[in-house]
Amino acid sequence: MENPILVEVLRGEVVESFHRGVVCVVDGNNKILFSLGDINQLCYPRSAMKFIQHIPLLESGAVSKFGFTLKEIAVMCGSHNAEKMHLDTVSSILSKIGLSETSLKCGAHYPMLNDDLVNMYQQDKKPTDLYNNCSGKHAGFLAYCVYNGLDTSDYLNPNHPLQQHIKKVCAEMYEVSEESMQYAIDGCSAPVYSVSVLHQAIGYKNLCVSTKFGEARKYACQTIIEAVSTFPEMVAGSNRYCTDMMRICGDEIVGKTGAEGIYCMSVYNKEIGICIKIDDGKMLPQYNVAQAIIDSLSLFSSEKLAPLQKYLQEDILNWNQLKTGELRPSGQLIDALNTRKIA
């Protein structure tokens, strides 16, 4: 059985292509408030796992020892553009733990913004691992290792104590067994584990219902929410949905993208977790769906959400900047959201 069409791509008035996918929304008791598609579909959270991957660090006491700021914690949880503010913040983390960027093992890639890319070419500079969008996450991994006196040269090995601790916490937060999570290698070479769409929604619900795991977990989850909602620019950067959404909605919602069409959100004051998976792995449609869900929650005025409407329905322009069509949520998704109110 095919998953429903969530997003349509129009050329003129004709639907030229479309994106199928899955949506799952759960409440604090794991009750399914809304769903479309196969919510038991297995996939990898990819970078949406970052909020959970740093719970071990925040439970360990390392934040106090090294004096990490909320800004630094936010970039640990981010997939950044490699803007100067990101590079400086990751470098600050590494300095506090007595390491340099040569300890990062995430791989080098160029900055995501054209201006930064042009500037690098003009200076004849080559990117290092610091520029990797996951360098903040890896700096956090290294901080855990330094704090606990663990080997920093092999921190990405799935059998390393850090990664074993992360796997245990992921299983707890997603409410699955460790044995059920299939191991794979993420784009930044870190271990990543398969989790169903349903249980990814449960994981993000547990970010705001963390008392069941004890006080240390409650502190860690609350700190992550505070960090990313206070410094959303560290989670992504300029012209990115995660940052733009949390700048406007961060007093109610935190969210994180993942590669291959994943988007997860925690509506933390209402103890709601959400997971979106776009079947074909395209990245833009996840934002159309996420924004449609946010609009349907009725938590914000239309005036407040106005700057985010470009993510709900986007004009498609050709090279002459002529509008050729648009990207928009499907009628099936909008009708379902209008019929079955989430909150």
Protein backbone atom coordinates (compact mmCIF):
# COMPACT_ATOMS: atom_id res chain seq x y z
CA MET A 1 0.00 0.00 0.00
CA GLU A 2 1.43 3.35 -1.04
CA ASN A 3 1.85 6.25 1.35
CA PRO A 4 -0.33 9.29 0.59
CA ILE A 5 0.78 12.27 -1.46
CA LEU A 6 1.82 14.97 0.99
CA VAL A 7 3.27 17.61 -1.34
CA GLU A 8 2.50 18.54 -4.95
CA VAL A 9 4.73 20.24 -7.52
CA LEU A 10 2.76 22.30 -10.01
CA ARG A 11 3.80 23.65 -13.40
CA GLY A 12 1.17 26.15 -14.32
CA GLU A 13 -2.04 24.65 -12.97
CA VAL A 14 -1.05 21.02 -13.57
CA VAL A 15 0.47 18.73 -10.93
CA GLU A 16 3.72 17.79 -12.63
CA SER A 17 5.12 15.66 -9.81
CA PHE A 18 4.48 14.85 -6.17
CA HIS A 19 6.04 13.55 -2.97
CA ARG A 20 4.55 10.75 -0.90
CA GLY A 21 5.29 10.29 2.76
CA VAL A 22 4.30 9.63 6.34
CA VAL A 23 3.20 11.86 9.21
CA CYS A 24 2.79 10.81 12.84
CA VAL A 25 1.79 12.96 15.82
CA VAL A 26 1.64 11.56 19.37
CA ASP A 27 0.70 12.97 22.77
CA GLY A 28 2.35 12.55 26.16
CA ASN A 29 0.83 9.09 26.58
CA ASN A 30 1.94 7.90 23.12
CA LYS A 31 -1.63 8.18 21.84
CA ILE A 32 -1.66 8.83 18.11
CA LEU A 33 -3.32 12.20 17.60
CA PHE A 34 -2.86 12.29 13.84
CA SER A 35 -1.30 10.08 11.20
CA LEU A 36 -1.08 9.60 7.46
CA GLY A 37 0.74 6.73 5.81
CA ASP A 38 2.61 3.80 7.32
CA ILE A 39 3.77 5.08 10.68
CA ASN A 40 5.61 1.79 11.34
CA GLN A 41 7.86 2.45 8.33
CA LEU A 42 11.51 2.09 9.33
CA CYS A 43 13.95 4.84 8.42
CA TYR A 44 16.94 6.62 9.88
CA PRO A 45 16.43 9.85 11.88
CA ARG A 46 19.75 11.08 10.49
CA SER A 47 20.44 14.58 11.88
CA ALA A 48 17.09 14.67 13.67
CA MET A 49 18.80 12.29 16.11
CA LYS A 50 21.21 15.04 17.20
CA PHE A 51 18.92 16.39 19.92
CA ILE A 52 18.97 12.92 21.49
CA GLN A 53 22.62 12.08 20.79
CA HIS A 54 23.78 14.81 23.19
CA ILE A 55 21.71 13.73 26.17
CA PRO A 56 24.64 11.62 27.50
CA LEU A 57 26.91 14.67 27.44
CA LEU A 58 24.38 16.84 29.26
CA GLU A 59 23.72 14.15 31.86
CA SER A 60 27.43 13.71 32.54
CA GLY A 61 28.34 16.96 34.28
CA ALA A 62 30.55 18.10 31.38
CA VAL A 63 28.51 21.28 30.82
CA SER A 64 29.45 22.57 34.26
CA LYS A 65 33.06 21.39 34.11
CA PHE A 66 33.81 23.00 30.74
CA GLY A 67 31.46 25.96 31.12
CA PHE A 68 29.54 25.25 27.92
CA THR A 69 27.05 27.95 27.00
CA LEU A 70 23.56 27.44 25.59
CA LYS A 71 24.90 28.74 22.29
CA GLU A 72 27.55 26.02 22.23
CA ILE A 73 25.02 23.34 23.17
CA ALA A 74 22.76 24.54 20.35
CA VAL A 75 25.50 24.14 17.72
CA MET A 76 26.22 20.65 19.06
CA CYS A 77 22.61 19.85 18.17
CA GLY A 78 22.76 21.59 14.80
CA SER A 79 23.43 21.02 11.11
CA HIS A 80 25.02 24.39 10.46
CA ASN A 81 25.84 26.37 7.33
CA ALA A 82 29.51 26.88 8.29
CA GLU A 83 28.94 30.61 8.66
CA LYS A 84 31.54 32.46 10.74
CA MET A 85 29.31 32.35 13.82
CA HIS A 86 29.19 28.55 13.56
CA LEU A 87 32.90 28.10 13.01
CA ASP A 88 33.70 30.38 15.95
CA THR A 89 31.30 28.56 18.27
CA VAL A 90 32.56 25.08 17.39
CA SER A 91 36.13 26.31 17.79
CA SER A 92 35.21 27.61 21.25
CA ILE A 93 33.95 24.16 22.28
CA LEU A 94 37.16 22.52 21.09
CA SER A 95 39.28 25.13 22.90
CA LYS A 96 37.44 24.51 26.17
CA ILE A 97 38.18 20.77 26.00
CA GLY A 98 41.82 21.26 25.00
CA LEU A 99 41.52 19.91 21.45
CA SER A 100 41.72 21.38 17.94
CA GLU A 101 39.78 20.85 14.75
CA THR A 102 42.27 18.15 13.75
CA SER A 103 40.51 15.88 16.28
CA LEU A 104 37.24 16.08 14.32
CA LYS A 105 36.51 13.08 12.12
CA CYS A 106 33.34 14.23 10.35
CA GLY A 107 34.99 14.97 6.99
CA ALA A 108 35.46 18.29 5.22
CA HIS A 109 32.97 19.99 2.94
CA TYR A 110 32.45 23.50 1.65
CA PRO A 111 30.19 26.10 3.34
CA MET A 112 26.52 26.00 2.38
CA LEU A 113 26.01 29.69 1.54
CA ASN A 114 27.23 31.03 -1.81
CA ASP A 115 28.83 34.15 -0.31
CA ASP A 116 30.91 32.08 2.10
CA LEU A 117 31.85 29.69 -0.70
CA VAL A 118 32.96 32.55 -2.99
CA ASN A 119 34.94 34.11 -0.15
CA MET A 120 36.74 30.82 0.45
CA TYR A 121 37.63 30.49 -3.24
CA GLN A 122 38.87 34.09 -3.35
CA GLN A 123 41.15 33.41 -0.40
CA ASP A 124 42.27 30.13 -1.96
CA LYS A 125 41.27 28.30 1.21
CA LYS A 126 40.27 24.67 1.51
CA PRO A 127 37.61 23.54 3.96
CA THR A 128 38.50 21.41 6.95
CA ASP A 129 36.32 19.18 9.13
CA LEU A 130 35.37 22.33 11.05
CA TYR A 131 33.22 23.37 8.06
CA ASN A 132 31.25 20.14 8.10
CA ASN A 133 27.63 20.84 9.05
CA CYS A 134 28.00 18.22 11.79
CA SER A 135 31.19 19.61 13.35
CA GLY A 136 29.25 20.87 16.37
CA LYS A 137 27.90 17.39 17.01
CA HIS A 138 31.38 15.92 16.77
CA ALA A 139 32.80 18.57 19.09
CA GLY A 140 30.14 17.49 21.60
CA PHE A 141 31.15 13.86 21.14
CA LEU A 142 34.76 14.77 21.84
CA ALA A 143 33.73 16.75 24.93
CA TYR A 144 32.04 13.63 26.34
CA CYS A 145 35.21 11.62 25.69
CA VAL A 146 37.52 14.17 27.31
CA TYR A 147 35.25 14.53 30.35
CA ASN A 148 35.11 10.77 30.84
CA GLY A 149 38.77 10.10 30.04
CA LEU A 150 37.96 8.10 26.91
CA ASP A 151 39.93 7.62 23.71
CA THR A 152 39.24 10.51 21.31
CA SER A 153 40.87 8.90 18.26
CA ASP A 154 38.20 6.22 17.83
CA TYR A 155 35.08 8.04 19.03
CA LEU A 156 33.00 7.08 15.95
CA ASN A 157 33.47 3.35 16.43
CA PRO A 158 30.01 1.91 17.22
CA ASN A 159 31.62 -0.11 20.01
CA HIS A 160 33.21 2.98 21.63
CA PRO A 161 31.74 3.63 25.13
CA LEU A 162 30.36 6.98 23.91
CA GLN A 163 28.46 5.41 21.02
CA GLN A 164 27.23 2.57 23.21
CA HIS A 165 25.89 5.12 25.70
CA ILE A 166 24.21 7.07 22.88
CA LYS A 167 22.60 3.88 21.57
CA LYS A 168 21.23 3.08 25.03
CA VAL A 169 19.78 6.58 25.45
CA CYS A 170 18.30 6.50 21.94
CA ALA A 171 16.55 3.23 22.73
CA GLU A 172 15.14 4.74 25.92
CA MET A 173 13.98 7.95 24.28
CA TYR A 174 12.50 6.28 21.21
CA GLU A 175 11.03 3.53 23.45
CA VAL A 176 12.42 0.65 21.41
CA SER A 177 14.88 -2.14 22.20
CA GLU A 178 18.54 -1.65 21.38
CA GLU A 179 18.41 -4.91 19.45
CA SER A 180 15.71 -3.58 17.12
CA MET A 181 17.77 -0.58 16.00
CA GLN A 182 19.74 -1.38 12.87
CA TYR A 183 23.16 0.26 12.72
CA ALA A 184 24.38 2.28 9.74
CA ILE A 185 26.93 5.03 9.05
CA ASP A 186 25.64 8.59 8.77
CA GLY A 187 26.93 11.17 6.28
CA CYS A 188 29.35 12.50 8.90
CA SER A 189 30.58 8.93 9.65
CA ALA A 190 28.84 8.73 13.05
CA PRO A 191 26.68 5.71 13.90
CA VAL A 192 22.97 6.14 13.22
CA TYR A 193 20.14 3.73 14.01
CA SER A 194 16.88 2.83 12.28
CA VAL A 195 13.68 3.85 14.07
CA SER A 196 10.08 3.81 12.85
CA VAL A 197 8.27 7.06 12.11
CA LEU A 198 5.98 6.37 15.09
CA HIS A 199 8.87 5.94 17.50
CA GLN A 200 10.70 8.98 16.16
CA ALA A 201 7.58 10.98 17.08
CA ILE A 202 7.67 9.33 20.51
CA GLY A 203 11.33 10.31 20.89
CA TYR A 204 10.55 13.97 20.30
CA LYS A 205 7.59 13.74 22.66
CA ASN A 206 9.96 12.40 25.30
CA LEU A 207 12.11 15.51 24.99
CA CYS A 208 9.30 17.30 26.82
CA VAL A 209 8.04 14.41 28.97
CA SER A 210 11.43 13.50 30.39
CA THR A 211 10.57 13.19 34.09
CA LYS A 212 9.98 9.45 33.59
CA PHE A 213 13.74 9.03 33.10
CA GLY A 214 14.86 10.88 36.23
CA GLU A 215 16.16 14.33 37.10
CA ALA A 216 19.40 14.14 35.08
CA ARG A 217 17.45 13.31 31.91
CA LYS A 218 14.91 16.03 32.65
CA TYR A 219 17.73 18.58 32.98
CA ALA A 220 19.37 17.38 29.76
CA CYS A 221 16.18 17.55 27.71
CA GLN A 222 15.12 20.92 29.12
CA THR A 223 18.61 22.30 28.42
CA ILE A 224 18.50 21.10 24.80
CA ILE A 225 15.09 22.70 24.28
CA GLU A 226 16.25 25.94 25.90
CA ALA A 227 19.48 26.01 23.88
CA VAL A 228 17.99 25.44 20.43
CA SER A 229 15.01 27.74 21.02
CA THR A 230 17.25 30.52 22.39
CA PHE A 231 19.92 30.20 19.68
CA PRO A 232 18.11 28.81 16.63
CA GLU A 233 20.71 30.34 14.33
CA MET A 234 23.17 27.74 15.68
CA VAL A 235 20.90 24.84 14.67
CA ALA A 236 21.01 25.72 10.97
CA GLY A 237 21.70 29.33 9.97
CA SER A 238 20.70 31.94 7.43
CA ASN A 239 17.87 31.04 5.06
CA ARG A 240 17.16 27.72 6.79
CA TYR A 241 13.79 26.44 7.97
CA CYS A 242 14.90 25.15 11.39
CA THR A 243 16.28 28.55 12.29
CA ASP A 244 13.46 30.61 10.81
CA MET A 245 10.77 28.41 12.37
CA MET A 246 12.24 28.45 15.87
CA ARG A 247 12.87 32.21 15.76
CA ILE A 248 9.11 32.61 15.46
CA CYS A 249 7.74 29.49 17.16
CA GLY A 250 10.54 28.62 19.59
CA ASP A 251 8.49 29.49 22.66
CA GLU A 252 6.25 26.51 21.78
CA ILE A 253 8.03 24.31 19.22
CA VAL A 254 11.53 23.03 18.53
CA GLY A 255 12.35 21.11 15.37
CA LYS A 256 15.21 19.47 13.54
CA THR A 257 15.69 18.33 9.98
CA GLY A 258 17.32 15.07 8.99
CA ALA A 259 18.68 13.99 5.62
CA GLU A 260 16.50 11.95 3.26
CA GLY A 261 13.31 13.81 4.08
CA ILE A 262 13.02 13.60 7.88
CA TYR A 263 11.63 16.36 10.04
CA CYS A 264 10.89 15.99 13.77
CA MET A 265 9.26 18.47 16.13
CA SER A 266 8.45 18.74 19.81
CA VAL A 267 5.49 20.93 20.75
CA TYR A 268 6.93 20.99 24.21
CA ASN A 269 4.34 22.91 26.21
CA LYS A 270 1.67 20.49 25.00
CA GLU A 271 3.84 17.36 25.27
CA ILE A 272 3.39 16.48 21.59
CA GLY A 273 5.92 14.74 19.33
CA ILE A 274 5.86 14.82 15.54
CA CYS A 275 7.76 12.99 12.80
CA ILE A 276 7.55 13.55 9.05
CA LYS A 277 9.22 11.31 6.47
CA ILE A 278 9.22 12.12 2.75
CA ASP A 279 9.51 8.83 0.89
CA ASP A 280 11.74 9.97 -1.97
CA GLY A 281 14.17 11.66 0.39
CA LYS A 282 13.78 15.17 -1.01
CA MET A 283 14.45 17.85 1.58
CA LEU A 284 12.16 20.75 0.63
CA PRO A 285 8.82 18.89 0.94
CA GLN A 286 9.41 18.13 4.63
CA TYR A 287 9.24 21.87 5.33
CA ASN A 288 5.97 22.27 3.43
CA VAL A 289 4.48 19.51 5.59
CA ALA A 290 5.99 20.81 8.83
CA GLN A 291 4.62 24.29 8.22
CA ALA A 292 1.18 22.93 7.32
CA ILE A 293 1.13 21.11 10.66
CA ILE A 294 2.24 24.21 12.56
CA ASP A 295 -0.49 26.26 10.87
CA SER A 296 -3.07 23.66 11.88
CA LEU A 297 -2.08 23.78 15.57
CA SER A 298 -3.64 27.24 16.03
CA LEU A 299 -0.93 28.17 18.53
CA PHE A 300 0.08 31.33 16.70
CA SER A 301 -1.67 34.16 14.92
CA SER A 302 -1.57 34.30 11.12
CA GLU A 303 0.38 37.55 11.45
CA LYS A 304 3.08 35.88 13.52
CA LEU A 305 3.36 32.98 11.08
CA ALA A 306 3.40 35.19 7.98
CA PRO A 307 7.23 35.07 7.55
CA LEU A 308 7.05 31.26 7.42
CA GLN A 309 4.41 31.03 4.69
CA LYS A 310 7.15 30.90 2.05
CA TYR A 311 7.88 27.42 3.41
CA LEU A 312 4.23 26.38 3.21
CA GLN A 313 3.75 27.26 -0.44
CA GLU A 314 6.80 28.14 -2.53
CA ASP A 315 6.89 29.69 -5.98
CA ILE A 316 9.10 27.88 -8.48
CA LEU A 317 11.07 30.27 -10.66
CA ASN A 318 13.02 29.62 -13.84
CA TRP A 319 16.38 31.17 -14.79
CA ASN A 320 14.61 34.34 -15.97
CA GLN A 321 12.91 34.56 -12.55
CA LEU A 322 9.54 33.83 -14.13
CA LYS A 323 7.11 31.86 -12.00
CA THR A 324 6.58 28.46 -13.56
CA GLY A 325 4.63 26.80 -10.77
CA GLU A 326 4.67 26.13 -7.07
CA LEU A 327 5.43 23.60 -4.36
CA ARG A 328 2.54 23.14 -1.93
CA PRO A 329 0.98 20.72 0.58
CA SER A 330 -1.46 18.33 -1.08
CA GLY A 331 -5.20 18.75 -0.72
CA GLN A 332 -5.24 15.37 1.03
CA LEU A 333 -2.88 16.62 3.74
CA ILE A 334 -4.67 19.94 4.22
CA ASP A 335 -8.10 18.28 4.33
CA ALA A 336 -6.87 15.75 6.89
CA LEU A 337 -5.36 18.46 9.08
CA ASN A 338 -8.56 20.52 8.88
CA THR A 339 -10.75 17.53 9.71
CA ARG A 340 -8.68 15.97 12.49
CA LYS A 341 -7.45 18.73 14.78
CA ILE A 342 -4.17 17.86 16.52
CA ALA A 343 -4.34 20.26 19.46
